[in-house]
PDB file of N, CA and C in Angstrom:
ATOM      1  N   MET A   1      -4.872   3.154 -15.265  1.00  0.00           N
ATOM      2  CA  MET A   1      -4.416   2.278 -14.226  1.00  0.00           C
ATOM      3  C   MET A   1      -5.416   1.135 -14.082  1.00  0.00           C
ATOM      4  N   SER A   2      -4.942  -0.059 -14.147  1.00  0.00           N
ATOM      5  CA  SER A   2      -5.834  -1.207 -14.088  1.00  0.00           C
ATOM      6  C   SER A   2      -5.766  -1.884 -12.720  1.00  0.00           C
ATOM      7  N   ASP A   3      -6.725  -2.767 -12.506  1.00  0.00           N
ATOM      8  CA  ASP A   3      -6.723  -3.559 -11.281  1.00  0.00           C
ATOM      9  C   ASP A   3      -5.458  -4.403 -11.172  1.00  0.00           C
ATOM     10  N   SER A   4      -4.971  -4.870 -12.321  1.00  0.00           N
ATOM     11  CA  SER A   4      -3.759  -5.695 -12.284  1.00  0.00           C
ATOM     12  C   SER A   4      -2.553  -4.865 -11.846  1.00  0.00           C
ATOM     13  N   ASP A   5      -2.505  -3.592 -12.214  1.00  0.00           N
ATOM     14  CA  ASP A   5      -1.422  -2.714 -11.758  1.00  0.00           C
ATOM     15  C   ASP A   5      -1.470  -2.565 -10.238  1.00  0.00           C
ATOM     16  N   LEU A   6      -2.678  -2.396  -9.719  1.00  0.00           N
ATOM     17  CA  LEU A   6      -2.850  -2.251  -8.278  1.00  0.00           C
ATOM     18  C   LEU A   6      -2.444  -3.541  -7.567  1.00  0.00           C
ATOM     19  N   ARG A   7      -2.914  -4.668  -8.062  1.00  0.00           N
ATOM     20  CA  ARG A   7      -2.567  -5.955  -7.429  1.00  0.00           C
ATOM     21  C   ARG A   7      -1.073  -6.225  -7.495  1.00  0.00           C
ATOM     22  N   GLU A   8      -0.466  -5.885  -8.629  1.00  0.00           N
ATOM     23  CA  GLU A   8       0.975  -6.081  -8.792  1.00  0.00           C
ATOM     24  C   GLU A   8       1.752  -5.221  -7.784  1.00  0.00           C
ATOM     25  N   ALA A   9       1.331  -3.984  -7.614  1.00  0.00           N
ATOM     26  CA  ALA A   9       1.993  -3.091  -6.663  1.00  0.00           C
ATOM     27  C   ALA A   9       1.825  -3.613  -5.225  1.00  0.00           C
ATOM     28  N   ILE A  10       0.641  -4.117  -4.908  1.00  0.00           N
ATOM     29  CA  ILE A  10       0.407  -4.677  -3.570  1.00  0.00           C
ATOM     30  C   ILE A  10       1.302  -5.892  -3.350  1.00  0.00           C
ATOM     31  N   ASP A  11       1.370  -6.794  -4.336  1.00  0.00           N
ATOM     32  CA  ASP A  11       2.215  -7.985  -4.213  1.00  0.00           C
ATOM     33  C   ASP A  11       3.686  -7.611  -4.058  1.00  0.00           C
ATOM     34  N   HIS A  12       4.124  -6.650  -4.848  1.00  0.00           N
ATOM     35  CA  HIS A  12       5.523  -6.191  -4.768  1.00  0.00           C
ATOM     36  C   HIS A  12       5.814  -5.624  -3.374  1.00  0.00           C
ATOM     37  N   LEU A  13       4.887  -4.867  -2.855  1.00  0.00           N
ATOM     38  CA  LEU A  13       5.075  -4.270  -1.536  1.00  0.00           C
ATOM     39  C   LEU A  13       5.089  -5.341  -0.453  1.00  0.00           C
ATOM     40  N   ARG A  14       4.247  -6.345  -0.578  1.00  0.00           N
ATOM     41  CA  ARG A  14       4.262  -7.453   0.393  1.00  0.00           C
ATOM     42  C   ARG A  14       5.634  -8.145   0.408  1.00  0.00           C
ATOM     43  N   GLU A  15       6.197  -8.365  -0.768  1.00  0.00           N
ATOM     44  CA  GLU A  15       7.519  -8.985  -0.863  1.00  0.00           C
ATOM     45  C   GLU A  15       8.585  -8.109  -0.203  1.00  0.00           C
ATOM     46  N   ALA A  16       8.546  -6.821  -0.485  1.00  0.00           N
ATOM     47  CA  ALA A  16       9.514  -5.896   0.118  1.00  0.00           C
ATOM     48  C   ALA A  16       9.342  -5.855   1.634  1.00  0.00           C
ATOM     49  N   LEU A  17       8.117  -5.910   2.084  1.00  0.00           N
ATOM     50  CA  LEU A  17       7.825  -5.873   3.519  1.00  0.00           C
ATOM     51  C   LEU A  17       8.360  -7.121   4.204  1.00  0.00           C
ATOM     52  N   ASP A  18       8.239  -8.270   3.543  1.00  0.00           N
ATOM     53  CA  ASP A  18       8.742  -9.517   4.120  1.00  0.00           C
ATOM     54  C   ASP A  18      10.249  -9.478   4.311  1.00  0.00           C
ATOM     55  N   GLY A  19      10.953  -8.760   3.439  1.00  0.00           N
ATOM     56  CA  GLY A  19      12.406  -8.695   3.526  1.00  0.00           C
ATOM     57  C   GLY A  19      12.940  -7.552   4.371  1.00  0.00           C
ATOM     58  N   ALA A  20      12.076  -6.699   4.868  1.00  0.00           N
ATOM     59  CA  ALA A  20      12.514  -5.516   5.617  1.00  0.00           C
ATOM     60  C   ALA A  20      12.563  -5.804   7.118  1.00  0.00           C
ATOM     61  N   GLN A  21      13.567  -5.296   7.755  1.00  0.00           N
ATOM     62  CA  GLN A  21      13.663  -5.343   9.208  1.00  0.00           C
ATOM     63  C   GLN A  21      12.955  -4.095   9.713  1.00  0.00           C
ATOM     64  N   LEU A  22      11.704  -4.244  10.039  1.00  0.00           N
ATOM     65  CA  LEU A  22      10.847  -3.112  10.345  1.00  0.00           C
ATOM     66  C   LEU A  22      10.223  -3.286  11.716  1.00  0.00           C
ATOM     67  N   ASP A  23       9.977  -2.178  12.371  1.00  0.00           N
ATOM     68  CA  ASP A  23       9.270  -2.194  13.652  1.00  0.00           C
ATOM     69  C   ASP A  23       7.996  -3.023  13.474  1.00  0.00           C
ATOM     70  N   PRO A  24       7.736  -3.989  14.365  1.00  0.00           N
ATOM     71  CA  PRO A  24       6.567  -4.864  14.204  1.00  0.00           C
ATOM     72  C   PRO A  24       5.232  -4.118  14.132  1.00  0.00           C
ATOM     73  N   THR A  25       5.090  -3.059  14.887  1.00  0.00           N
ATOM     74  CA  THR A  25       3.842  -2.290  14.866  1.00  0.00           C
ATOM     75  C   THR A  25       3.653  -1.634  13.508  1.00  0.00           C
ATOM     76  N   ARG A  26       4.710  -1.057  12.974  1.00  0.00           N
ATOM     77  CA  ARG A  26       4.643  -0.397  11.668  1.00  0.00           C
ATOM     78  C   ARG A  26       4.355  -1.437  10.576  1.00  0.00           C
ATOM     79  N   ALA A  27       5.029  -2.577  10.652  1.00  0.00           N
ATOM     80  CA  ALA A  27       4.807  -3.637   9.672  1.00  0.00           C
ATOM     81  C   ALA A  27       3.356  -4.122   9.711  1.00  0.00           C
ATOM     82  N   THR A  28       2.804  -4.245  10.899  1.00  0.00           N
ATOM     83  CA  THR A  28       1.411  -4.672  11.052  1.00  0.00           C
ATOM     84  C   THR A  28       0.463  -3.656  10.424  1.00  0.00           C
ATOM     85  N   ARG A  29       0.718  -2.372  10.641  1.00  0.00           N
ATOM     86  CA  ARG A  29      -0.135  -1.332  10.034  1.00  0.00           C
ATOM     87  C   ARG A  29      -0.111  -1.399   8.511  1.00  0.00           C
ATOM     88  N   ILE A  30       1.073  -1.595   7.969  1.00  0.00           N
ATOM     89  CA  ILE A  30       1.203  -1.668   6.517  1.00  0.00           C
ATOM     90  C   ILE A  30       0.489  -2.914   5.992  1.00  0.00           C
ATOM     91  N   ARG A  31       0.694  -4.057   6.646  1.00  0.00           N
ATOM     92  CA  ARG A  31       0.025  -5.287   6.212  1.00  0.00           C
ATOM     93  C   ARG A  31      -1.494  -5.153   6.282  1.00  0.00           C
ATOM     94  N   GLN A  32      -2.000  -4.538   7.340  1.00  0.00           N
ATOM     95  CA  GLN A  32      -3.449  -4.347   7.460  1.00  0.00           C
ATOM     96  C   GLN A  32      -3.982  -3.455   6.337  1.00  0.00           C
ATOM     97  N   ALA A  33      -3.253  -2.399   6.015  1.00  0.00           N
ATOM     98  CA  ALA A  33      -3.676  -1.512   4.923  1.00  0.00           C
ATOM     99  C   ALA A  33      -3.655  -2.269   3.592  1.00  0.00           C
ATOM    100  N   LEU A  34      -2.653  -3.103   3.395  1.00  0.00           N
ATOM    101  CA  LEU A  34      -2.587  -3.898   2.167  1.00  0.00           C
ATOM    102  C   LEU A  34      -3.740  -4.892   2.095  1.00  0.00           C
ATOM    103  N   ASP A  35      -4.064  -5.508   3.223  1.00  0.00           N
ATOM    104  CA  ASP A  35      -5.206  -6.429   3.267  1.00  0.00           C
ATOM    105  C   ASP A  35      -6.507  -5.702   2.922  1.00  0.00           C
ATOM    106  N   GLU A  36      -6.671  -4.496   3.477  1.00  0.00           N
ATOM    107  CA  GLU A  36      -7.870  -3.703   3.174  1.00  0.00           C
ATOM    108  C   GLU A  36      -7.934  -3.354   1.687  1.00  0.00           C
ATOM    109  N   LEU A  37      -6.797  -2.942   1.125  1.00  0.00           N
ATOM    110  CA  LEU A  37      -6.770  -2.596  -0.302  1.00  0.00           C
ATOM    111  C   LEU A  37      -7.077  -3.810  -1.168  1.00  0.00           C
ATOM    112  N   THR A  38      -6.540  -4.959  -0.789  1.00  0.00           N
ATOM    113  CA  THR A  38      -6.797  -6.186  -1.539  1.00  0.00           C
ATOM    114  C   THR A  38      -8.285  -6.506  -1.538  1.00  0.00           C
ATOM    115  N   ALA A  39      -8.916  -6.383  -0.378  1.00  0.00           N
ATOM    116  CA  ALA A  39     -10.352  -6.653  -0.264  1.00  0.00           C
ATOM    117  C   ALA A  39     -11.165  -5.659  -1.087  1.00  0.00           C
ATOM    118  N   VAL A  40     -10.797  -4.396  -1.032  1.00  0.00           N
ATOM    119  CA  VAL A  40     -11.527  -3.368  -1.781  1.00  0.00           C
ATOM    120  C   VAL A  40     -11.335  -3.578  -3.280  1.00  0.00           C
ATOM    121  N   ALA A  41     -10.117  -3.913  -3.692  1.00  0.00           N
ATOM    122  CA  ALA A  41      -9.847  -4.125  -5.118  1.00  0.00           C
ATOM    123  C   ALA A  41     -10.644  -5.313  -5.663  1.00  0.00           C
ATOM    124  N   ALA A  42     -10.904  -6.302  -4.815  1.00  0.00           N
ATOM    125  CA  ALA A  42     -11.663  -7.476  -5.240  1.00  0.00           C
ATOM    126  C   ALA A  42     -13.170  -7.220  -5.282  1.00  0.00           C
ATOM    127  N   ASP A  43     -13.611  -6.142  -4.657  1.00  0.00           N
ATOM    128  CA  ASP A  43     -15.033  -5.814  -4.579  1.00  0.00           C
ATOM    129  C   ASP A  43     -15.413  -4.906  -5.749  1.00  0.00           C
ATOM    130  N   ALA A  44     -16.128  -5.457  -6.697  1.00  0.00           N
ATOM    131  CA  ALA A  44     -16.508  -4.691  -7.892  1.00  0.00           C
ATOM    132  C   ALA A  44     -17.393  -3.497  -7.560  1.00  0.00           C
ATOM    133  N   ASP A  45     -18.080  -3.528  -6.433  1.00  0.00           N
ATOM    134  CA  ASP A  45     -18.980  -2.435  -6.056  1.00  0.00           C
ATOM    135  C   ASP A  45     -18.320  -1.396  -5.149  1.00  0.00           C
ATOM    136  N   ALA A  46     -17.035  -1.561  -4.860  1.00  0.00           N
ATOM    137  CA  ALA A  46     -16.345  -0.635  -3.956  1.00  0.00           C
ATOM    138  C   ALA A  46     -16.239   0.744  -4.591  1.00  0.00           C
ATOM    139  N   THR A  47     -16.444   1.743  -3.778  1.00  0.00           N
ATOM    140  CA  THR A  47     -16.313   3.130  -4.233  1.00  0.00           C
ATOM    141  C   THR A  47     -14.896   3.609  -3.960  1.00  0.00           C
ATOM    142  N   PRO A  48     -14.456   4.669  -4.642  1.00  0.00           N
ATOM    143  CA  PRO A  48     -13.128   5.214  -4.342  1.00  0.00           C
ATOM    144  C   PRO A  48     -12.951   5.581  -2.875  1.00  0.00           C
ATOM    145  N   ALA A  49     -14.025   5.961  -2.222  1.00  0.00           N
ATOM    146  CA  ALA A  49     -13.924   6.315  -0.810  1.00  0.00           C
ATOM    147  C   ALA A  49     -13.500   5.118   0.037  1.00  0.00           C
ATOM    148  N   ALA A  50     -13.795   3.916  -0.419  1.00  0.00           N
ATOM    149  CA  ALA A  50     -13.413   2.719   0.332  1.00  0.00           C
ATOM    150  C   ALA A  50     -11.899   2.549   0.385  1.00  0.00           C
ATOM    151  N   HIS A  51     -11.192   3.136  -0.589  1.00  0.00           N
ATOM    152  CA  HIS A  51      -9.733   3.055  -0.622  1.00  0.00           C
ATOM    153  C   HIS A  51      -9.077   4.107   0.277  1.00  0.00           C
ATOM    154  N   ALA A  52      -9.827   5.068   0.735  1.00  0.00           N
ATOM    155  CA  ALA A  52      -9.254   6.233   1.405  1.00  0.00           C
ATOM    156  C   ALA A  52      -8.478   5.884   2.664  1.00  0.00           C
ATOM    157  N   ALA A  53      -9.042   5.096   3.553  1.00  0.00           N
ATOM    158  CA  ALA A  53      -8.361   4.799   4.817  1.00  0.00           C
ATOM    159  C   ALA A  53      -7.038   4.062   4.600  1.00  0.00           C
ATOM    160  N   PRO A  54      -7.013   2.982   3.802  1.00  0.00           N
ATOM    161  CA  PRO A  54      -5.722   2.331   3.589  1.00  0.00           C
ATOM    162  C   PRO A  54      -4.727   3.229   2.854  1.00  0.00           C
ATOM    163  N   HIS A  55      -5.232   4.063   1.947  1.00  0.00           N
ATOM    164  CA  HIS A  55      -4.348   4.983   1.233  1.00  0.00           C
ATOM    165  C   HIS A  55      -3.677   5.942   2.209  1.00  0.00           C
ATOM    166  N   GLU A  56      -4.448   6.496   3.112  1.00  0.00           N
ATOM    167  CA  GLU A  56      -3.897   7.421   4.115  1.00  0.00           C
ATOM    168  C   GLU A  56      -2.876   6.725   4.993  1.00  0.00           C
ATOM    169  N   THR A  57      -3.170   5.490   5.412  1.00  0.00           N
ATOM    170  CA  THR A  57      -2.242   4.728   6.241  1.00  0.00           C
ATOM    171  C   THR A  57      -0.934   4.492   5.501  1.00  0.00           C
ATOM    172  N   LEU A  58      -1.015   4.098   4.239  1.00  0.00           N
ATOM    173  CA  LEU A  58       0.197   3.839   3.465  1.00  0.00           C
ATOM    174  C   LEU A  58       1.012   5.110   3.254  1.00  0.00           C
ATOM    175  N   ALA A  59       0.350   6.203   2.961  1.00  0.00           N
ATOM    176  CA  ALA A  59       1.058   7.472   2.774  1.00  0.00           C
ATOM    177  C   ALA A  59       1.770   7.880   4.063  1.00  0.00           C
ATOM    178  N   GLU A  60       1.109   7.692   5.193  1.00  0.00           N
ATOM    179  CA  GLU A  60       1.716   8.017   6.488  1.00  0.00           C
ATOM    180  C   GLU A  60       2.924   7.129   6.763  1.00  0.00           C
ATOM    181  N   GLN A  61       2.807   5.848   6.476  1.00  0.00           N
ATOM    182  CA  GLN A  61       3.914   4.924   6.730  1.00  0.00           C
ATOM    183  C   GLN A  61       5.093   5.192   5.806  1.00  0.00           C
ATOM    184  N   LEU A  62       4.807   5.671   4.601  1.00  0.00           N
ATOM    185  CA  LEU A  62       5.870   6.010   3.660  1.00  0.00           C
ATOM    186  C   LEU A  62       6.821   7.025   4.268  1.00  0.00           C
ATOM    187  N   GLU A  63       6.277   8.017   4.939  1.00  0.00           N
ATOM    188  CA  GLU A  63       7.105   9.039   5.577  1.00  0.00           C
ATOM    189  C   GLU A  63       8.040   8.437   6.617  1.00  0.00           C
ATOM    190  N   HIS A  64       7.569   7.418   7.320  1.00  0.00           N
ATOM    191  CA  HIS A  64       8.348   6.831   8.408  1.00  0.00           C
ATOM    192  C   HIS A  64       9.432   5.863   7.937  1.00  0.00           C
ATOM    193  N   VAL A  65       9.236   5.203   6.812  1.00  0.00           N
ATOM    194  CA  VAL A  65      10.191   4.184   6.391  1.00  0.00           C
ATOM    195  C   VAL A  65      11.145   4.640   5.297  1.00  0.00           C
ATOM    196  N   ALA A  66      10.923   5.807   4.742  1.00  0.00           N
ATOM    197  CA  ALA A  66      11.680   6.265   3.570  1.00  0.00           C
ATOM    198  C   ALA A  66      13.191   6.226   3.771  1.00  0.00           C
ATOM    199  N   GLU A  67      13.667   6.713   4.862  1.00  0.00           N
ATOM    200  CA  GLU A  67      15.115   6.816   5.070  1.00  0.00           C
ATOM    201  C   GLU A  67      15.769   5.466   5.355  1.00  0.00           C
ATOM    202  N   GLU A  68      15.153   4.664   6.211  1.00  0.00           N
ATOM    203  CA  GLU A  68      15.779   3.413   6.640  1.00  0.00           C
ATOM    204  C   GLU A  68      15.535   2.243   5.691  1.00  0.00           C
ATOM    205  N   HIS A  69      14.476   2.303   4.919  1.00  0.00           N
ATOM    206  CA  HIS A  69      14.104   1.177   4.063  1.00  0.00           C
ATOM    207  C   HIS A  69      13.736   1.666   2.660  1.00  0.00           C
ATOM    208  N   PRO A  70      14.745   2.017   1.855  1.00  0.00           N
ATOM    209  CA  PRO A  70      14.458   2.598   0.550  1.00  0.00           C
ATOM    210  C   PRO A  70      13.648   1.688  -0.380  1.00  0.00           C
ATOM    211  N   ALA A  71      13.887   0.381  -0.358  1.00  0.00           N
ATOM    212  CA  ALA A  71      13.127  -0.523  -1.230  1.00  0.00           C
ATOM    213  C   ALA A  71      11.656  -0.549  -0.830  1.00  0.00           C
ATOM    214  N   LEU A  72      11.411  -0.583   0.445  1.00  0.00           N
ATOM    215  CA  LEU A  72      10.038  -0.571   0.944  1.00  0.00           C
ATOM    216  C   LEU A  72       9.381   0.770   0.636  1.00  0.00           C
ATOM    217  N   ALA A  73      10.127   1.840   0.800  1.00  0.00           N
ATOM    218  CA  ALA A  73       9.601   3.177   0.506  1.00  0.00           C
ATOM    219  C   ALA A  73       9.253   3.304  -0.974  1.00  0.00           C
ATOM    220  N   THR A  74      10.062   2.706  -1.838  1.00  0.00           N
ATOM    221  CA  THR A  74       9.775   2.736  -3.275  1.00  0.00           C
ATOM    222  C   THR A  74       8.457   2.028  -3.567  1.00  0.00           C
ATOM    223  N   GLY A  75       8.264   0.865  -2.955  1.00  0.00           N
ATOM    224  CA  GLY A  75       7.018   0.132  -3.142  1.00  0.00           C
ATOM    225  C   GLY A  75       5.820   0.877  -2.606  1.00  0.00           C
ATOM    226  N   LEU A  76       5.969   1.469  -1.431  1.00  0.00           N
ATOM    227  CA  LEU A  76       4.886   2.266  -0.853  1.00  0.00           C
ATOM    228  C   LEU A  76       4.566   3.463  -1.739  1.00  0.00           C
ATOM    229  N   GLY A  77       5.615   4.137  -2.205  1.00  0.00           N
ATOM    230  CA  GLY A  77       5.427   5.300  -3.067  1.00  0.00           C
ATOM    231  C   GLY A  77       4.717   4.938  -4.355  1.00  0.00           C
ATOM    232  N   ARG A  78       5.087   3.810  -4.935  1.00  0.00           N
ATOM    233  CA  ARG A  78       4.436   3.371  -6.176  1.00  0.00           C
ATOM    234  C   ARG A  78       2.955   3.099  -5.942  1.00  0.00           C
ATOM    235  N   LEU A  79       2.653   2.444  -4.839  1.00  0.00           N
ATOM    236  CA  LEU A  79       1.250   2.138  -4.534  1.00  0.00           C
ATOM    237  C   LEU A  79       0.452   3.414  -4.263  1.00  0.00           C
ATOM    238  N   VAL A  80       1.037   4.347  -3.533  1.00  0.00           N
ATOM    239  CA  VAL A  80       0.363   5.626  -3.264  1.00  0.00           C
ATOM    240  C   VAL A  80       0.124   6.372  -4.577  1.00  0.00           C
ATOM    241  N   ASP A  81       1.098   6.333  -5.489  1.00  0.00           N
ATOM    242  CA  ASP A  81       0.928   6.977  -6.802  1.00  0.00           C
ATOM    243  C   ASP A  81      -0.193   6.339  -7.614  1.00  0.00           C
ATOM    244  N   ILE A  82      -0.262   5.010  -7.596  1.00  0.00           N
ATOM    245  CA  ILE A  82      -1.325   4.308  -8.325  1.00  0.00           C
ATOM    246  C   ILE A  82      -2.685   4.712  -7.773  1.00  0.00           C
ATOM    247  N   LEU A  83      -2.794   4.752  -6.459  1.00  0.00           N
ATOM    248  CA  LEU A  83      -4.060   5.137  -5.846  1.00  0.00           C
ATOM    249  C   LEU A  83      -4.443   6.573  -6.225  1.00  0.00           C
ATOM    250  N   ALA A  84      -3.451   7.463  -6.262  1.00  0.00           N
ATOM    251  CA  ALA A  84      -3.717   8.847  -6.657  1.00  0.00           C
ATOM    252  C   ALA A  84      -4.183   8.920  -8.114  1.00  0.00           C
ATOM    253  N   LYS A  85      -3.593   8.099  -8.984  1.00  0.00           N
ATOM    254  CA  LYS A  85      -3.960   8.115 -10.398  1.00  0.00           C
ATOM    255  C   LYS A  85      -5.370   7.603 -10.643  1.00  0.00           C
ATOM    256  N   ILE A  86      -5.850   6.743  -9.742  1.00  0.00           N
ATOM    257  CA  ILE A  86      -7.221   6.258  -9.919  1.00  0.00           C
ATOM    258  C   ILE A  86      -8.201   7.085  -9.092  1.00  0.00           C
ATOM    259  N   GLY A  87      -7.698   8.207  -8.583  1.00  0.00           N
ATOM    260  CA  GLY A  87      -8.580   9.177  -7.939  1.00  0.00           C
ATOM    261  C   GLY A  87      -8.849   8.936  -6.475  1.00  0.00           C
ATOM    262  N   ILE A  88      -7.920   8.307  -5.797  1.00  0.00           N
ATOM    263  CA  ILE A  88      -8.122   8.015  -4.375  1.00  0.00           C
ATOM    264  C   ILE A  88      -7.114   8.778  -3.549  1.00  0.00           C
TER     265      ILE A  88
END
């Protein structure tokens, strides 16, 4: 799994999030987690532990949006899988 895979998944999820009619609080949590992941991915010295908090937030949000927003859930699931594959 490369950094470009992670960035691509984040970008895809941002696009899906922009098109979803989602509770504003939930959307804000997801955007904040994506911002954190983007910052960590850009930091060459970041440890896998730095990804943990946003990963947990995204996994939690996946459970909440899966039924009502399948496209968003797919993007969240893909990102959670990528994070798991890189050991986070």
